[in-house]
């Protein structure tokens, strides 16, 4: 699992589970930043990839894939 924490709001964090798509945006999505005008309404998608076989190998870490889905 990967966790994203907001540096401007210390109590705000988002745990990210493997193989689930999270939408990031200003107005809609799983992770929203309503006060940040630099983020589009629907900005990006996040997916954590961590193959089942990697769990037994401590040196193989999860990968966070970030896809731009309409930022301006």
Protein backbone atom coordinates (compact mmCIF):
# COMPACT_ATOMS: atom_id res chain seq x y z
CA UNK A 1 0.00 0.00 0.00
CA UNK A 2 1.13 3.55 -0.74
CA UNK A 3 -0.16 6.54 1.20
CA UNK A 4 -0.30 10.10 -0.13
CA UNK A 5 -0.17 12.88 2.43
CA UNK A 6 -1.01 16.53 1.85
CA UNK A 7 1.83 18.77 3.08
CA UNK A 8 -0.43 21.80 3.50
CA UNK A 9 -2.98 19.90 5.60
CA UNK A 10 -1.12 17.39 7.81
CA UNK A 11 -4.25 15.46 8.81
CA UNK A 12 -5.22 14.82 5.19
CA UNK A 13 -3.96 11.53 3.75
CA UNK A 14 -5.11 8.98 1.19
CA UNK A 15 -4.11 5.31 1.40
CA UNK A 16 -3.86 3.76 -2.07
CA UNK A 17 -4.62 0.07 -2.52
CA UNK A 18 -3.10 -2.10 -5.25
CA UNK A 19 -4.91 -2.31 -8.61
CA UNK A 20 -7.56 0.29 -7.76
CA UNK A 21 -7.81 3.41 -9.93
CA UNK A 22 -8.02 6.70 -8.04
CA UNK A 23 -9.13 9.89 -9.79
CA UNK A 24 -7.50 13.13 -8.66
CA UNK A 25 -9.21 16.45 -9.27
CA UNK A 26 -10.34 19.77 -7.93
CA UNK A 27 -14.10 19.15 -8.05
CA UNK A 28 -14.60 15.43 -8.56
CA UNK A 29 -12.76 12.22 -7.89
CA UNK A 30 -11.50 10.04 -5.09
CA UNK A 31 -8.82 12.55 -4.10
CA UNK A 32 -9.87 16.19 -4.32
CA UNK A 33 -8.11 19.50 -3.76
CA UNK A 34 -11.01 21.99 -3.92
CA UNK A 35 -8.94 25.06 -2.98
CA UNK A 36 -6.15 24.53 -5.53
CA UNK A 37 -6.94 26.32 -8.80
CA UNK A 38 -3.87 24.78 -10.47
CA UNK A 39 -5.58 21.38 -10.50
CA UNK A 40 -8.19 20.64 -13.17
CA UNK A 41 -11.66 19.38 -12.27
CA UNK A 42 -10.52 15.92 -13.34
CA UNK A 43 -6.73 15.99 -13.41
CA UNK A 44 -5.11 12.56 -13.18
CA UNK A 45 -5.53 8.87 -12.41
CA UNK A 46 -3.35 6.98 -9.94
CA UNK A 47 -2.88 3.21 -9.91
CA UNK A 48 -0.58 1.25 -7.60
CA UNK A 49 0.97 -1.78 -9.31
CA UNK A 50 2.49 -4.51 -7.16
CA UNK A 51 2.43 -8.04 -8.62
CA UNK A 52 1.55 -10.77 -6.15
CA UNK A 53 4.93 -12.43 -6.75
CA UNK A 54 6.76 -9.31 -5.50
CA UNK A 55 5.35 -9.62 -1.99
CA UNK A 56 7.99 -12.18 -0.97
CA UNK A 57 10.80 -10.00 -2.35
CA UNK A 58 11.44 -6.98 -0.06
CA UNK A 59 13.59 -5.23 -2.70
CA UNK A 60 10.73 -5.17 -5.22
CA UNK A 61 8.58 -2.20 -4.28
CA UNK A 62 5.16 -1.07 -5.55
CA UNK A 63 5.01 1.28 -8.54
CA UNK A 64 2.69 4.28 -8.67
CA UNK A 65 1.44 4.92 -12.22
CA UNK A 66 0.19 8.48 -12.80
CA UNK A 67 -1.83 9.24 -15.94
CA UNK A 68 -2.87 12.74 -17.02
CA UNK A 69 -6.57 12.65 -17.92
CA UNK A 70 -7.35 16.21 -18.84
CA UNK A 71 -5.24 18.69 -16.95
CA UNK A 72 -4.84 22.04 -18.63
